Amino acid sequence: MTRKNITTAEITAGRTDAEHLLSLTSADAADAERAVPPFRLTQLVMARFDMDVVEAAVFLNFCGAAPTPTPQNADAEFHAHLRRVIVRYRLDCLFVEDAPGQYHHTTRPRGYDYSVDVVHPKDMETWRADYRNMHSVQQMFAASIIWLYRGGKDRVWLRRVPCTWPATEALHALRESGALSDWGRLIFLFPGW
């Protein structure tokens, strides 16, 4: 699938908009927003689908996370970090581990009846209410996990809830809360769902 968002070349070649955007996350979000095109957080998350390991490592570095070697068992390492994120940022009311398979393939969002492939209205209402009651950093993590899970934008869980943050504001909020490296590692370790 071709994405009309940030390309991997834009992430790594020269002083790109995405590189500049990530480097400005410690600066004032309003100044950063004027300095680069108005990317959304979802675009940065979806850029991961087109990155190779080297490009993902550059992305991780921009997020201020310690360098990490290429995972030997990508599925297991992503799952371990995904579980840490879900626990650390108190997202367990939004995600459940009940799917068949192993590692992160067992994790999926609540609010959906997977046995018949339809939204469970009451559970989805609860999911969205829980999401809305969360701090914006928690919402950013939850939305990022959903975008990774869905392989792009989502119109099931993220309907009528806050999820359209300008990337500069989101990255600034993640950095200010000390969560940017956890978020960057989540994106870096993603092996595909």
N, C-alpha and C. Protein backbone atom coordinates (compact mmCIF):
# COMPACT_ATOMS: atom_id res chain seq x y z
N MET A 1 0.85 -1.17 0.00
CA MET A 1 0.00 0.00 0.00
C MET A 1 0.90 1.24 0.00
N THR A 2 0.66 2.13 -0.89
CA THR A 2 1.41 3.38 -0.95
C THR A 2 0.72 4.42 -0.07
N ARG A 3 1.52 5.11 0.71
CA ARG A 3 0.96 6.13 1.60
C ARG A 3 1.37 7.49 1.09
N LYS A 4 0.47 8.44 1.15
CA LYS A 4 0.74 9.80 0.70
C LYS A 4 1.14 10.65 1.90
N ASN A 5 1.97 10.10 2.75
CA ASN A 5 2.39 10.78 3.96
C ASN A 5 3.89 10.98 3.92
N ILE A 6 4.53 10.84 5.04
CA ILE A 6 5.97 10.98 5.13
C ILE A 6 6.60 9.71 4.56
N THR A 7 7.52 9.86 3.63
CA THR A 7 8.20 8.71 3.08
C THR A 7 9.46 8.43 3.87
N THR A 8 9.99 7.23 3.72
CA THR A 8 11.22 6.91 4.44
C THR A 8 12.36 7.79 3.98
N ALA A 9 12.37 8.16 2.73
CA ALA A 9 13.42 9.06 2.25
C ALA A 9 13.34 10.40 2.98
N GLU A 10 12.12 10.85 3.25
CA GLU A 10 11.96 12.11 3.98
C GLU A 10 12.42 11.99 5.42
N ILE A 11 12.36 10.78 5.97
CA ILE A 11 12.78 10.58 7.35
C ILE A 11 14.30 10.64 7.45
N THR A 12 15.02 10.09 6.46
CA THR A 12 16.47 9.92 6.63
C THR A 12 17.34 10.77 5.72
N ALA A 13 16.87 11.24 4.62
CA ALA A 13 17.73 11.95 3.67
C ALA A 13 17.88 13.42 4.04
N GLY A 14 19.12 13.84 4.27
CA GLY A 14 19.39 15.26 4.52
C GLY A 14 18.63 15.79 5.71
N ARG A 15 18.31 17.05 5.67
CA ARG A 15 17.56 17.71 6.74
C ARG A 15 16.12 17.81 6.28
N THR A 16 15.38 16.75 6.42
CA THR A 16 14.01 16.69 5.91
C THR A 16 13.03 17.35 6.87
N ASP A 17 11.81 17.52 6.40
CA ASP A 17 10.76 18.07 7.25
C ASP A 17 10.52 17.19 8.47
N ALA A 18 10.48 15.86 8.27
CA ALA A 18 10.23 14.96 9.39
C ALA A 18 11.38 15.00 10.39
N GLU A 19 12.61 15.00 9.91
CA GLU A 19 13.77 15.09 10.80
C GLU A 19 13.74 16.40 11.56
N HIS A 20 13.45 17.47 10.84
CA HIS A 20 13.38 18.79 11.46
C HIS A 20 12.26 18.82 12.50
N LEU A 21 11.13 18.21 12.17
CA LEU A 21 10.00 18.16 13.08
C LEU A 21 10.38 17.44 14.37
N LEU A 22 11.01 16.28 14.24
CA LEU A 22 11.40 15.54 15.43
C LEU A 22 12.45 16.27 16.24
N SER A 23 13.36 16.97 15.57
CA SER A 23 14.39 17.70 16.30
C SER A 23 13.83 18.90 17.05
N LEU A 24 12.68 19.38 16.64
CA LEU A 24 12.08 20.54 17.30
C LEU A 24 11.14 20.19 18.44
N THR A 25 11.05 18.91 18.78
CA THR A 25 10.08 18.53 19.80
C THR A 25 10.40 19.12 21.16
N SER A 26 11.64 19.54 21.38
CA SER A 26 11.94 20.16 22.67
C SER A 26 11.67 21.67 22.62
N ALA A 27 11.45 22.20 21.44
CA ALA A 27 11.16 23.63 21.29
C ALA A 27 9.67 23.88 21.47
N ASP A 28 9.30 25.13 21.44
CA ASP A 28 7.89 25.50 21.55
C ASP A 28 7.11 24.91 20.38
N ALA A 29 5.99 24.25 20.67
CA ALA A 29 5.20 23.60 19.62
C ALA A 29 4.73 24.59 18.56
N ALA A 30 4.38 25.81 18.96
CA ALA A 30 3.91 26.80 17.98
C ALA A 30 5.04 27.17 17.02
N ASP A 31 6.26 27.34 17.52
CA ASP A 31 7.40 27.62 16.64
C ASP A 31 7.66 26.46 15.71
N ALA A 32 7.59 25.26 16.23
CA ALA A 32 7.82 24.07 15.41
C ALA A 32 6.76 23.95 14.32
N GLU A 33 5.52 24.23 14.66
CA GLU A 33 4.43 24.12 13.69
C GLU A 33 4.63 25.09 12.53
N ARG A 34 5.14 26.29 12.81
CA ARG A 34 5.40 27.25 11.74
C ARG A 34 6.60 26.84 10.89
N ALA A 35 7.50 26.04 11.47
CA ALA A 35 8.75 25.69 10.79
C ALA A 35 8.59 24.53 9.81
N VAL A 36 7.57 23.72 9.94
CA VAL A 36 7.40 22.55 9.08
C VAL A 36 5.96 22.45 8.62
N PRO A 37 5.72 21.66 7.56
CA PRO A 37 4.33 21.45 7.13
C PRO A 37 3.52 20.82 8.26
N PRO A 38 2.22 20.98 8.26
CA PRO A 38 1.38 20.49 9.36
C PRO A 38 1.13 18.98 9.30
N PHE A 39 2.11 18.19 9.73
CA PHE A 39 1.96 16.74 9.81
C PHE A 39 1.10 16.39 11.02
N ARG A 40 0.42 15.29 10.92
CA ARG A 40 -0.34 14.78 12.05
C ARG A 40 0.43 13.61 12.66
N LEU A 41 0.14 13.32 13.91
CA LEU A 41 0.81 12.20 14.58
C LEU A 41 0.57 10.91 13.82
N THR A 42 -0.63 10.74 13.31
CA THR A 42 -0.93 9.51 12.56
C THR A 42 0.03 9.33 11.38
N GLN A 43 0.44 10.42 10.74
CA GLN A 43 1.36 10.32 9.61
C GLN A 43 2.73 9.81 10.04
N LEU A 44 3.18 10.24 11.22
CA LEU A 44 4.46 9.74 11.72
C LEU A 44 4.37 8.26 12.04
N VAL A 45 3.27 7.85 12.66
CA VAL A 45 3.09 6.43 12.97
C VAL A 45 3.05 5.62 11.69
N MET A 46 2.30 6.07 10.70
CA MET A 46 2.17 5.32 9.46
C MET A 46 3.45 5.32 8.63
N ALA A 47 4.34 6.28 8.86
CA ALA A 47 5.62 6.28 8.17
C ALA A 47 6.42 5.03 8.52
N ARG A 48 6.17 4.46 9.69
CA ARG A 48 6.90 3.25 10.11
C ARG A 48 6.69 2.11 9.15
N PHE A 49 5.52 2.02 8.53
CA PHE A 49 5.23 0.92 7.62
C PHE A 49 6.17 0.90 6.42
N ASP A 50 6.74 2.04 6.09
CA ASP A 50 7.61 2.14 4.93
C ASP A 50 9.09 2.23 5.30
N MET A 51 9.42 2.15 6.59
CA MET A 51 10.82 2.26 7.02
C MET A 51 11.49 0.90 7.04
N ASP A 52 12.79 0.90 6.70
CA ASP A 52 13.57 -0.30 6.94
C ASP A 52 14.16 -0.18 8.33
N VAL A 53 14.96 -1.15 8.75
CA VAL A 53 15.49 -1.19 10.11
C VAL A 53 16.38 0.02 10.39
N VAL A 54 17.21 0.41 9.43
CA VAL A 54 18.11 1.55 9.61
C VAL A 54 17.31 2.84 9.78
N GLU A 55 16.32 3.03 8.94
CA GLU A 55 15.48 4.23 9.04
C GLU A 55 14.71 4.25 10.36
N ALA A 56 14.24 3.09 10.79
CA ALA A 56 13.53 3.03 12.07
C ALA A 56 14.48 3.36 13.23
N ALA A 57 15.74 2.95 13.13
CA ALA A 57 16.72 3.27 14.17
C ALA A 57 16.98 4.78 14.22
N VAL A 58 17.02 5.43 13.07
CA VAL A 58 17.18 6.89 13.03
C VAL A 58 15.98 7.54 13.70
N PHE A 59 14.80 7.06 13.40
CA PHE A 59 13.57 7.55 14.01
C PHE A 59 13.64 7.39 15.53
N LEU A 60 14.08 6.22 15.99
CA LEU A 60 14.20 5.96 17.43
C LEU A 60 15.16 6.95 18.07
N ASN A 61 16.26 7.22 17.41
CA ASN A 61 17.25 8.16 17.91
C ASN A 61 16.63 9.56 18.07
N PHE A 62 15.85 9.99 17.09
CA PHE A 62 15.20 11.30 17.17
C PHE A 62 14.22 11.38 18.33
N CYS A 63 13.70 10.23 18.74
CA CYS A 63 12.76 10.20 19.86
C CYS A 63 13.48 10.16 21.21
N GLY A 64 14.79 10.16 21.18
CA GLY A 64 15.56 10.20 22.42
C GLY A 64 15.67 8.88 23.15
N ALA A 65 15.34 7.79 22.49
CA ALA A 65 15.45 6.48 23.12
C ALA A 65 16.86 5.94 22.93
N ALA A 66 17.30 5.16 23.88
CA ALA A 66 18.63 4.55 23.78
C ALA A 66 18.67 3.63 22.56
N PRO A 67 19.80 3.61 21.86
CA PRO A 67 19.90 2.72 20.70
C PRO A 67 19.68 1.27 21.13
N THR A 68 19.14 0.53 20.24
CA THR A 68 18.88 -0.88 20.53
C THR A 68 19.25 -1.69 19.29
N PRO A 69 19.84 -2.86 19.48
CA PRO A 69 20.16 -3.69 18.32
C PRO A 69 18.90 -4.20 17.65
N THR A 70 19.04 -4.62 16.42
CA THR A 70 17.91 -5.20 15.70
C THR A 70 17.41 -6.39 16.51
N PRO A 71 16.14 -6.41 16.81
CA PRO A 71 15.61 -7.50 17.64
C PRO A 71 15.82 -8.87 17.00
N GLN A 72 16.26 -9.83 17.82
CA GLN A 72 16.42 -11.20 17.34
C GLN A 72 15.04 -11.86 17.15
N ASN A 73 14.14 -11.57 18.06
CA ASN A 73 12.77 -12.06 17.94
C ASN A 73 11.86 -10.83 18.01
N ALA A 74 11.65 -10.22 16.86
CA ALA A 74 10.92 -8.95 16.78
C ALA A 74 9.53 -9.05 17.39
N ASP A 75 8.83 -10.14 17.13
CA ASP A 75 7.48 -10.29 17.67
C ASP A 75 7.49 -10.28 19.20
N ALA A 76 8.41 -11.02 19.80
CA ALA A 76 8.47 -11.11 21.26
C ALA A 76 8.88 -9.78 21.88
N GLU A 77 9.85 -9.10 21.28
CA GLU A 77 10.31 -7.83 21.84
C GLU A 77 9.25 -6.74 21.71
N PHE A 78 8.56 -6.70 20.57
CA PHE A 78 7.49 -5.73 20.42
C PHE A 78 6.38 -6.02 21.44
N HIS A 79 6.02 -7.30 21.58
CA HIS A 79 4.96 -7.67 22.52
C HIS A 79 5.33 -7.26 23.94
N ALA A 80 6.57 -7.51 24.34
CA ALA A 80 7.00 -7.15 25.69
C ALA A 80 6.90 -5.64 25.90
N HIS A 81 7.33 -4.86 24.90
CA HIS A 81 7.25 -3.40 25.04
C HIS A 81 5.79 -2.93 24.98
N LEU A 82 5.00 -3.51 24.11
CA LEU A 82 3.58 -3.17 24.01
C LEU A 82 2.91 -3.40 25.37
N ARG A 83 3.17 -4.54 26.00
CA ARG A 83 2.58 -4.83 27.31
C ARG A 83 3.05 -3.82 28.36
N ARG A 84 4.36 -3.47 28.33
CA ARG A 84 4.88 -2.46 29.27
C ARG A 84 4.15 -1.14 29.09
N VAL A 85 3.96 -0.73 27.82
CA VAL A 85 3.28 0.53 27.52
C VAL A 85 1.83 0.48 28.02
N ILE A 86 1.14 -0.62 27.76
CA ILE A 86 -0.25 -0.75 28.17
C ILE A 86 -0.36 -0.66 29.69
N VAL A 87 0.57 -1.28 30.41
CA VAL A 87 0.54 -1.23 31.87
C VAL A 87 0.99 0.14 32.37
N ARG A 88 2.14 0.63 31.88
CA ARG A 88 2.71 1.89 32.37
C ARG A 88 1.76 3.07 32.17
N TYR A 89 1.08 3.10 31.03
CA TYR A 89 0.20 4.24 30.72
C TYR A 89 -1.27 3.91 31.00
N ARG A 90 -1.50 2.84 31.71
CA ARG A 90 -2.84 2.45 32.16
C ARG A 90 -3.86 2.39 31.01
N LEU A 91 -3.51 1.59 30.01
CA LEU A 91 -4.38 1.44 28.83
C LEU A 91 -5.10 0.09 28.83
N ASP A 92 -4.99 -0.65 29.92
CA ASP A 92 -5.55 -2.00 29.95
C ASP A 92 -7.07 -2.03 29.80
N CYS A 93 -7.74 -0.93 30.09
CA CYS A 93 -9.19 -0.90 29.88
C CYS A 93 -9.52 -0.82 28.38
N LEU A 94 -8.53 -0.51 27.55
CA LEU A 94 -8.77 -0.38 26.11
C LEU A 94 -8.33 -1.60 25.31
N PHE A 95 -7.42 -2.40 25.88
CA PHE A 95 -6.85 -3.53 25.13
C PHE A 95 -6.96 -4.80 25.95
N VAL A 96 -7.12 -5.90 25.27
CA VAL A 96 -7.26 -7.20 25.90
C VAL A 96 -6.34 -8.19 25.19
N GLU A 97 -5.87 -9.17 25.92
CA GLU A 97 -5.08 -10.25 25.32
C GLU A 97 -5.93 -11.50 25.31
N ASP A 98 -6.68 -11.67 24.24
CA ASP A 98 -7.54 -12.85 24.18
C ASP A 98 -7.64 -13.44 22.77
N ALA A 99 -6.80 -12.99 21.87
CA ALA A 99 -6.85 -13.50 20.50
C ALA A 99 -6.02 -14.78 20.40
N PRO A 100 -6.32 -15.60 19.41
CA PRO A 100 -5.48 -16.78 19.20
C PRO A 100 -4.11 -16.35 18.69
N GLY A 101 -3.15 -17.20 18.88
CA GLY A 101 -1.80 -16.91 18.41
C GLY A 101 -0.88 -16.63 19.58
N GLN A 102 0.25 -15.99 19.27
CA GLN A 102 1.20 -15.67 20.33
C GLN A 102 1.74 -14.27 20.15
N TYR A 103 2.41 -13.82 21.16
CA TYR A 103 3.01 -12.49 21.21
C TYR A 103 1.93 -11.42 21.01
N HIS A 104 2.29 -10.35 20.30
CA HIS A 104 1.35 -9.22 20.17
C HIS A 104 0.12 -9.56 19.35
N HIS A 105 0.15 -10.66 18.64
CA HIS A 105 -1.03 -11.06 17.87
C HIS A 105 -2.20 -11.40 18.78
N THR A 106 -1.91 -11.63 20.07
CA THR A 106 -2.97 -11.92 21.03
C THR A 106 -3.62 -10.65 21.56
N THR A 107 -3.00 -9.50 21.33
CA THR A 107 -3.50 -8.23 21.85
C THR A 107 -4.37 -7.55 20.82
N ARG A 108 -5.53 -7.13 21.26
CA ARG A 108 -6.42 -6.40 20.36
C ARG A 108 -7.29 -5.45 21.17
N PRO A 109 -7.84 -4.45 20.49
CA PRO A 109 -8.69 -3.49 21.20
C PRO A 109 -10.02 -4.11 21.62
N ARG A 110 -10.51 -3.63 22.74
CA ARG A 110 -11.84 -4.05 23.22
C ARG A 110 -12.92 -3.35 22.38
N GLY A 111 -14.16 -3.77 22.55
CA GLY A 111 -15.28 -3.09 21.91
C GLY A 111 -15.72 -3.69 20.59
N TYR A 112 -15.15 -4.84 20.25
CA TYR A 112 -15.46 -5.44 18.97
C TYR A 112 -15.73 -6.92 19.20
N ASP A 113 -16.74 -7.44 18.56
CA ASP A 113 -17.03 -8.87 18.66
C ASP A 113 -16.34 -9.54 17.48
N TYR A 114 -15.16 -10.07 17.75
CA TYR A 114 -14.33 -10.66 16.69
C TYR A 114 -14.93 -11.95 16.16
N SER A 115 -15.77 -12.62 16.95
CA SER A 115 -16.35 -13.89 16.51
C SER A 115 -17.33 -13.70 15.35
N VAL A 116 -17.97 -12.53 15.29
CA VAL A 116 -18.91 -12.26 14.19
C VAL A 116 -18.50 -11.04 13.37
N ASP A 117 -17.33 -10.46 13.70
CA ASP A 117 -16.75 -9.36 12.93
C ASP A 117 -17.65 -8.11 12.90
N VAL A 118 -18.13 -7.72 14.08
CA VAL A 118 -18.95 -6.50 14.19
C VAL A 118 -18.62 -5.77 15.49
N VAL A 119 -18.89 -4.48 15.48
CA VAL A 119 -18.75 -3.67 16.68
C VAL A 119 -19.78 -4.11 17.70
N HIS A 120 -19.35 -4.24 18.94
CA HIS A 120 -20.27 -4.51 20.04
C HIS A 120 -20.63 -3.14 20.62
N PRO A 121 -21.84 -2.62 20.35
CA PRO A 121 -22.19 -1.23 20.66
C PRO A 121 -21.91 -0.80 22.10
N LYS A 122 -22.33 -1.56 23.09
CA LYS A 122 -22.13 -1.16 24.48
C LYS A 122 -20.64 -1.15 24.84
N ASP A 123 -19.92 -2.17 24.40
CA ASP A 123 -18.48 -2.24 24.68
C ASP A 123 -17.73 -1.11 23.98
N MET A 124 -18.14 -0.78 22.77
CA MET A 124 -17.48 0.31 22.04
C MET A 124 -17.78 1.65 22.71
N GLU A 125 -18.99 1.81 23.18
CA GLU A 125 -19.35 3.03 23.91
C GLU A 125 -18.47 3.18 25.16
N THR A 126 -18.28 2.09 25.86
CA THR A 126 -17.41 2.09 27.04
C THR A 126 -15.97 2.38 26.64
N TRP A 127 -15.50 1.75 25.56
CA TRP A 127 -14.13 1.98 25.09
C TRP A 127 -13.90 3.46 24.80
N ARG A 128 -14.81 4.06 24.06
CA ARG A 128 -14.66 5.48 23.70
C ARG A 128 -14.76 6.39 24.92
N ALA A 129 -15.63 6.06 25.86
CA ALA A 129 -15.75 6.87 27.08
C ALA A 129 -14.46 6.77 27.90
N ASP A 130 -13.91 5.56 28.03
CA ASP A 130 -12.65 5.40 28.74
C ASP A 130 -11.53 6.18 28.06
N TYR A 131 -11.49 6.10 26.74
CA TYR A 131 -10.47 6.81 25.97
C TYR A 131 -10.60 8.32 26.18
N ARG A 132 -11.82 8.85 26.08
CA ARG A 132 -12.03 10.29 26.25
C ARG A 132 -11.63 10.78 27.64
N ASN A 133 -11.76 9.92 28.65
CA ASN A 133 -11.42 10.30 30.02
C ASN A 133 -9.93 10.23 30.30
N MET A 134 -9.15 9.81 29.34
CA MET A 134 -7.71 9.69 29.54
C MET A 134 -7.00 11.01 29.26
N HIS A 135 -5.82 11.13 29.83
CA HIS A 135 -4.92 12.24 29.54
C HIS A 135 -4.49 12.14 28.07
N SER A 136 -4.17 13.26 27.45
CA SER A 136 -3.83 13.26 26.02
C SER A 136 -2.66 12.33 25.69
N VAL A 137 -1.68 12.21 26.58
CA VAL A 137 -0.54 11.31 26.29
C VAL A 137 -1.02 9.86 26.26
N GLN A 138 -1.91 9.49 27.16
CA GLN A 138 -2.48 8.15 27.12
C GLN A 138 -3.24 7.95 25.80
N GLN A 139 -4.01 8.96 25.40
CA GLN A 139 -4.74 8.87 24.14
C GLN A 139 -3.80 8.70 22.96
N MET A 140 -2.67 9.41 22.98
CA MET A 140 -1.70 9.30 21.88
C MET A 140 -1.12 7.90 21.78
N PHE A 141 -0.83 7.30 22.93
CA PHE A 141 -0.36 5.91 22.91
C PHE A 141 -1.43 4.98 22.39
N ALA A 142 -2.65 5.13 22.91
CA ALA A 142 -3.74 4.25 22.49
C ALA A 142 -4.01 4.40 20.99
N ALA A 143 -4.05 5.63 20.50
CA ALA A 143 -4.29 5.85 19.06
C ALA A 143 -3.15 5.27 18.24
N SER A 144 -1.92 5.44 18.68
CA SER A 144 -0.76 4.89 17.95
C SER A 144 -0.86 3.37 17.86
N ILE A 145 -1.24 2.73 18.97
CA ILE A 145 -1.41 1.27 18.95
C ILE A 145 -2.51 0.87 17.98
N ILE A 146 -3.61 1.60 17.98
CA ILE A 146 -4.71 1.31 17.05
C ILE A 146 -4.23 1.47 15.61
N TRP A 147 -3.50 2.56 15.31
CA TRP A 147 -3.01 2.77 13.94
C TRP A 147 -2.07 1.65 13.53
N LEU A 148 -1.23 1.19 14.44
CA LEU A 148 -0.35 0.06 14.12
C LEU A 148 -1.18 -1.20 13.90
N TYR A 149 -2.14 -1.43 14.79
CA TYR A 149 -3.00 -2.61 14.71
C TYR A 149 -3.79 -2.63 13.41
N ARG A 150 -4.30 -1.49 13.01
CA ARG A 150 -5.12 -1.41 11.80
C ARG A 150 -4.30 -1.23 10.53
N GLY A 151 -3.03 -0.91 10.66
CA GLY A 151 -2.20 -0.68 9.48
C GLY A 151 -2.48 0.65 8.82
N GLY A 152 -2.99 1.60 9.56
CA GLY A 152 -3.29 2.93 9.02
C GLY A 152 -4.39 3.59 9.82
N LYS A 153 -5.05 4.51 9.17
CA LYS A 153 -6.13 5.25 9.83
C LYS A 153 -7.24 4.28 10.24
N ASP A 154 -7.99 4.70 11.23
CA ASP A 154 -9.04 3.84 11.77
C ASP A 154 -10.35 4.59 11.87
N ARG A 155 -11.42 3.92 11.50
CA ARG A 155 -12.75 4.51 11.62
C ARG A 155 -13.67 3.64 12.48
N VAL A 156 -13.07 2.71 13.22
CA VAL A 156 -13.86 1.87 14.10
C VAL A 156 -13.73 2.39 15.53
N TRP A 157 -12.54 2.31 16.10
CA TRP A 157 -12.34 2.73 17.49
C TRP A 157 -12.16 4.25 17.61
N LEU A 158 -11.50 4.86 16.68
CA LEU A 158 -11.13 6.27 16.81
C LEU A 158 -12.14 7.23 16.19
N ARG A 159 -13.37 6.80 16.05
CA ARG A 159 -14.44 7.69 15.58
C ARG A 159 -14.94 8.52 16.75
N ARG A 160 -15.12 9.80 16.51
CA ARG A 160 -15.69 10.72 17.50
C ARG A 160 -14.89 10.79 18.80
N VAL A 161 -13.57 10.59 18.69
CA VAL A 161 -12.69 10.76 19.84
C VAL A 161 -11.48 11.58 19.40
N PRO A 162 -10.80 12.24 20.31
CA PRO A 162 -9.63 13.04 19.94
C PRO A 162 -8.49 12.16 19.41
N CYS A 163 -8.04 12.44 18.20
CA CYS A 163 -6.92 11.66 17.64
C CYS A 163 -6.26 12.38 16.46
N THR A 164 -6.53 13.64 16.29
CA THR A 164 -5.99 14.37 15.12
C THR A 164 -4.94 15.40 15.53
N TRP A 165 -4.10 15.04 16.48
CA TRP A 165 -3.10 15.97 16.98
C TRP A 165 -2.11 16.34 15.89
N PRO A 166 -1.78 17.63 15.79
CA PRO A 166 -0.63 17.99 14.95
C PRO A 166 0.59 17.29 15.55
N ALA A 167 1.46 16.77 14.70
CA ALA A 167 2.60 16.00 15.18
C ALA A 167 3.48 16.80 16.13
N THR A 168 3.67 18.09 15.83
CA THR A 168 4.53 18.90 16.70
C THR A 168 3.97 18.97 18.11
N GLU A 169 2.67 19.19 18.23
CA GLU A 169 2.05 19.26 19.56
C GLU A 169 2.13 17.91 20.27
N ALA A 170 1.86 16.84 19.54
CA ALA A 170 1.89 15.51 20.13
C ALA A 170 3.30 15.15 20.60
N LEU A 171 4.29 15.39 19.75
CA LEU A 171 5.66 15.07 20.13
C LEU A 171 6.13 15.93 21.30
N HIS A 172 5.72 17.17 21.32
CA HIS A 172 6.07 18.05 22.43
C HIS A 172 5.43 17.52 23.73
N ALA A 173 4.16 17.15 23.68
CA ALA A 173 3.47 16.62 24.87
C ALA A 173 4.12 15.31 25.33
N LEU A 174 4.48 14.45 24.38
CA LEU A 174 5.14 13.19 24.74
C LEU A 174 6.49 13.45 25.40
N ARG A 175 7.25 14.39 24.85
CA ARG A 175 8.55 14.72 25.42
C ARG A 175 8.39 15.33 26.81
N GLU A 176 7.47 16.29 26.94
CA GLU A 176 7.27 16.97 28.22
C GLU A 176 6.84 16.00 29.33
N SER A 177 6.12 14.97 28.97
CA SER A 177 5.65 14.00 29.96
C SER A 177 6.67 12.87 30.19
N GLY A 178 7.78 12.91 29.47
CA GLY A 178 8.80 11.87 29.61
C GLY A 178 8.43 10.58 28.91
N ALA A 179 7.50 10.64 27.97
CA ALA A 179 6.99 9.43 27.32
C ALA A 179 7.48 9.26 25.88
N LEU A 180 8.23 10.22 25.33
CA LEU A 180 8.61 10.16 23.92
C LEU A 180 9.47 8.94 23.61
N SER A 181 10.39 8.59 24.49
CA SER A 181 11.24 7.44 24.19
C SER A 181 10.43 6.14 24.20
N ASP A 182 9.46 6.01 25.12
CA ASP A 182 8.58 4.83 25.10
C ASP A 182 7.77 4.78 23.81
N TRP A 183 7.26 5.93 23.41
CA TRP A 183 6.48 5.98 22.16
C TRP A 183 7.36 5.64 20.96
N GLY A 184 8.55 6.24 20.91
CA GLY A 184 9.47 5.97 19.80
C GLY A 184 9.86 4.51 19.73
N ARG A 185 10.12 3.90 20.89
CA ARG A 185 10.47 2.47 20.92
C ARG A 185 9.30 1.61 20.45
N LEU A 186 8.07 1.99 20.81
CA LEU A 186 6.90 1.26 20.35
C LEU A 186 6.85 1.25 18.82
N ILE A 187 7.07 2.41 18.23
CA ILE A 187 7.05 2.52 16.76
C ILE A 187 8.23 1.75 16.17
N PHE A 188 9.43 1.93 16.76
CA PHE A 188 10.64 1.27 16.26
C PHE A 188 10.51 -0.24 16.25
N LEU A 189 10.01 -0.82 17.33
CA LEU A 189 9.97 -2.27 17.47
C LEU A 189 8.87 -2.94 16.66
N PHE A 190 7.92 -2.16 16.14
CA PHE A 190 6.76 -2.72 15.45
C PHE A 190 7.17 -3.64 14.29
N PRO A 191 6.82 -4.94 14.35
CA PRO A 191 7.20 -5.87 13.28
C PRO A 191 6.08 -6.13 12.28
N GLY A 192 4.94 -5.53 12.47
CA GLY A 192 3.77 -5.84 11.65
C GLY A 192 2.79 -6.65 12.46
N TRP A 193 1.50 -6.55 12.17
CA TRP A 193 0.51 -7.26 12.98
C TRP A 193 0.07 -8.50 12.29
